[in-house]
Protein backbone atom coordinates (compact mmCIF):
# COMPACT_ATOMS: atom_id res chain seq x y z
CA MET A 1 0.00 0.00 0.00
CA VAL A 2 1.56 3.27 -1.09
CA ILE A 3 0.35 6.70 -0.07
CA SER A 4 1.78 9.89 -1.45
CA SER A 5 3.67 11.81 1.22
CA ASP A 6 1.93 15.14 0.92
CA PRO A 7 2.49 17.53 3.84
CA THR A 8 -0.79 19.32 3.06
CA ASN A 9 -2.81 16.23 4.07
CA GLN A 10 -3.99 15.72 0.50
CA ALA A 11 -3.19 12.01 0.55
CA HIS A 12 -4.52 9.91 -2.29
CA LEU A 13 -4.42 6.16 -2.12
CA GLU A 14 -2.66 4.82 -5.18
CA LYS A 15 -4.02 1.26 -5.08
CA GLY A 16 -6.29 -0.94 -3.04
CA PRO A 17 -9.81 -0.56 -1.68
CA GLY A 18 -10.63 1.03 1.61
CA TYR A 19 -13.29 2.64 3.74
CA VAL A 20 -14.69 6.15 4.01
CA ILE A 21 -16.10 6.56 7.50
CA ASP A 22 -18.99 8.86 8.40
CA THR A 23 -19.37 10.91 11.57
CA SER A 24 -22.10 8.61 12.88
CA ALA A 25 -19.83 5.55 12.62
CA LEU A 26 -16.95 7.34 14.36
CA ILE A 27 -19.32 8.39 17.16
CA ARG A 28 -20.50 4.76 17.39
CA LEU A 29 -16.91 3.84 18.38
CA ASP A 30 -17.20 6.04 21.49
CA PRO A 31 -18.15 3.26 23.96
CA TYR A 32 -15.28 1.03 22.82
CA TYR A 33 -12.75 2.60 25.20
CA PRO A 34 -9.16 2.25 23.97
CA ASP A 35 -7.99 0.90 27.34
CA ILE A 36 -10.59 -1.90 27.23
CA PHE A 37 -10.52 -2.67 23.47
CA PRO A 38 -6.89 -1.88 22.55
CA SER A 39 -6.74 -4.28 19.60
CA LEU A 40 -9.76 -2.57 17.98
CA TRP A 41 -7.98 0.78 18.10
CA GLN A 42 -4.75 -0.80 16.86
CA GLY A 43 -6.70 -2.22 13.91
CA LEU A 44 -8.17 1.19 13.14
CA GLU A 45 -4.74 2.80 13.39
CA GLY A 46 -3.35 0.16 11.03
CA LEU A 47 -5.99 0.97 8.43
CA ILE A 48 -5.29 4.70 8.81
CA THR A 49 -1.55 4.13 8.41
CA GLU A 50 -2.18 2.08 5.26
CA GLY A 51 -4.43 4.83 3.91
CA ARG A 52 -7.42 2.48 3.88
CA LEU A 53 -9.56 4.31 6.46
CA VAL A 54 -10.28 7.92 5.59
CA ALA A 55 -12.94 10.57 5.98
CA PRO A 56 -13.51 13.95 4.40
CA TYR A 57 -12.33 16.89 6.50
CA GLU A 58 -16.00 17.88 6.88
CA VAL A 59 -16.42 14.90 9.23
CA PHE A 60 -13.69 16.32 11.47
CA ILE A 61 -15.55 19.65 11.47
CA GLU A 62 -18.85 17.88 12.27
CA ILE A 63 -17.30 16.10 15.23
CA GLY A 64 -15.94 19.38 16.58
CA ASP A 65 -15.83 19.25 20.35
CA LYS A 66 -18.91 17.05 20.84
CA HIS A 67 -17.04 14.94 23.39
CA ASP A 68 -14.03 15.40 25.58
CA ASP A 69 -13.14 11.83 26.31
CA PRO A 70 -10.61 9.26 25.09
CA TRP A 71 -12.52 8.83 21.83
CA ILE A 72 -12.39 12.49 20.76
CA ARG A 73 -8.74 12.71 21.78
CA TRP A 74 -8.06 9.66 19.58
CA VAL A 75 -9.86 11.31 16.62
CA LYS A 76 -7.84 14.50 17.03
CA LYS A 77 -4.62 12.49 17.29
CA HIS A 78 -5.41 10.85 13.93
CA LYS A 79 -6.24 14.00 12.03
CA THR A 80 -4.24 12.70 9.03
CA MET A 81 -7.14 10.40 8.14
CA PHE A 82 -9.25 13.44 7.27
CA ILE A 83 -8.80 14.39 3.63
CA ASP A 84 -9.40 17.91 2.42
CA LYS A 85 -9.66 17.64 -1.37
CA LYS A 86 -10.94 20.57 -3.35
CA ASP A 87 -11.93 18.05 -6.06
CA LEU A 88 -14.67 16.78 -3.74
CA ILE A 89 -16.64 20.01 -3.77
CA THR A 90 -17.96 19.48 -7.31
CA LYS A 91 -18.91 15.85 -6.61
CA ALA A 92 -20.53 16.78 -3.30
CA LYS A 93 -22.54 19.57 -4.94
CA LEU A 94 -23.77 17.18 -7.64
CA ILE A 95 -24.87 14.68 -5.01
CA GLN A 96 -26.56 17.50 -3.11
CA HIS A 97 -28.32 18.64 -6.29
CA TRP A 98 -29.75 15.16 -6.95
CA HIS A 99 -30.42 14.34 -3.28
CA PRO A 100 -31.30 17.61 -1.55
CA GLY A 101 -33.01 15.94 1.41
CA LEU A 102 -29.94 14.09 2.64
CA THR A 103 -29.05 16.77 5.18
CA LYS A 104 -30.85 19.49 7.07
CA LYS A 105 -30.96 22.48 4.77
CA ASP A 106 -29.96 25.16 7.28
CA ASP A 107 -27.57 23.12 9.42
CA PRO A 108 -23.98 23.31 8.12
CA ARG A 109 -22.91 20.69 10.68
CA THR A 110 -24.68 18.01 8.61
CA ASN A 111 -23.00 18.75 5.27
CA ALA A 112 -20.42 15.99 5.70
CA ASP A 113 -22.83 13.36 4.36
CA TYR A 114 -22.42 14.64 0.81
CA PHE A 115 -18.64 14.71 1.16
CA VAL A 116 -18.51 11.16 2.58
CA ILE A 117 -20.26 9.83 -0.52
CA ALA A 118 -18.22 12.09 -2.82
CA LEU A 119 -14.95 10.84 -1.28
CA ALA A 120 -15.96 7.21 -1.82
CA GLN A 121 -16.66 8.05 -5.48
CA TYR A 122 -13.38 9.94 -5.77
CA MET A 123 -11.35 7.08 -4.32
CA GLY A 124 -12.77 4.71 -6.91
CA GLY A 125 -14.04 1.17 -7.22
CA GLY A 126 -13.98 -1.05 -4.18
CA TRP A 127 -14.17 1.79 -1.68
CA ALA A 128 -17.06 1.51 0.76
CA VAL A 129 -18.86 3.89 3.08
CA VAL A 130 -19.12 3.03 6.78
CA THR A 131 -22.02 4.77 8.51
CA ASP A 132 -24.27 4.20 11.48
CA GLU A 133 -27.23 5.57 9.52
CA GLY A 134 -29.83 3.00 8.53
CA ARG A 135 -31.88 2.88 5.35
CA ARG A 136 -35.24 4.53 5.65
CA ASN A 137 -38.13 4.52 3.24
CA LYS A 138 -39.43 8.02 3.91
CA GLN A 139 -36.26 9.81 4.96
CA LEU A 140 -33.21 9.97 2.71
CA LYS A 141 -30.04 8.66 4.37
CA ILE A 142 -26.49 7.85 3.27
CA PRO A 143 -27.24 4.14 2.61
CA ASN A 144 -30.10 5.09 0.25
CA VAL A 145 -27.87 7.36 -1.83
CA CYS A 146 -24.98 4.88 -1.81
CA GLU A 147 -27.29 2.13 -3.04
CA GLU A 148 -28.45 4.32 -5.91
CA LEU A 149 -24.85 5.22 -6.81
CA LYS A 150 -23.71 1.59 -6.41
CA ILE A 151 -21.26 2.40 -3.63
CA PRO A 152 -20.93 -0.34 -1.00
CA CYS A 153 -22.25 0.88 2.34
CA PHE A 154 -22.54 -0.80 5.71
CA ASP A 155 -22.61 -0.20 9.44
CA ILE A 156 -19.76 -0.40 11.93
CA TYR A 157 -20.44 -4.05 12.84
CA LYS A 158 -20.31 -5.20 9.22
CA PHE A 159 -17.11 -3.14 8.90
CA PHE A 160 -15.62 -5.14 11.81
CA LYS A 161 -16.65 -8.37 10.05
CA LYS A 162 -15.17 -7.25 6.72
CA CYS A 163 -11.89 -6.57 8.53
CA ASN A 164 -12.14 -10.04 10.17
CA TRP A 165 -11.77 -8.49 13.60
CA ARG A 166 -12.68 -10.50 16.72
CA TYR A 167 -12.57 -9.11 20.24
């Protein structure tokens, strides 16, 4: 696995599939305290180091200072996983145009959803979205849009299974 060494945090994975993680999935990791589940966090760190677990920078913004516990400190320590690509803006705006109900219109803290999907598209085939959002018939959610765009999408538990992690 080769990642370009770009000091501006504009890393682009050159080969191999990976995972784009949403805010909801990162928040879902909160109860898995690093001192109790150290191998889980080591697995996550391994994926980040390999460039196979990423998120758009908008997820980092969404998380903000929601928590001040080991989980949020871990997220801030691994800020390199958050990719800030200007190329994503066009893709995110197209997704927003075709799926305007995905986020709350007047709440900028929910804009990351479009960028999560856009980053998975940008990274290419084989990349999947990890989210804690479920599919809903009447309310548009990330899994609904991913299904339409043929982007693999699953929750955190299926992500653990795909990684063959056992704790």
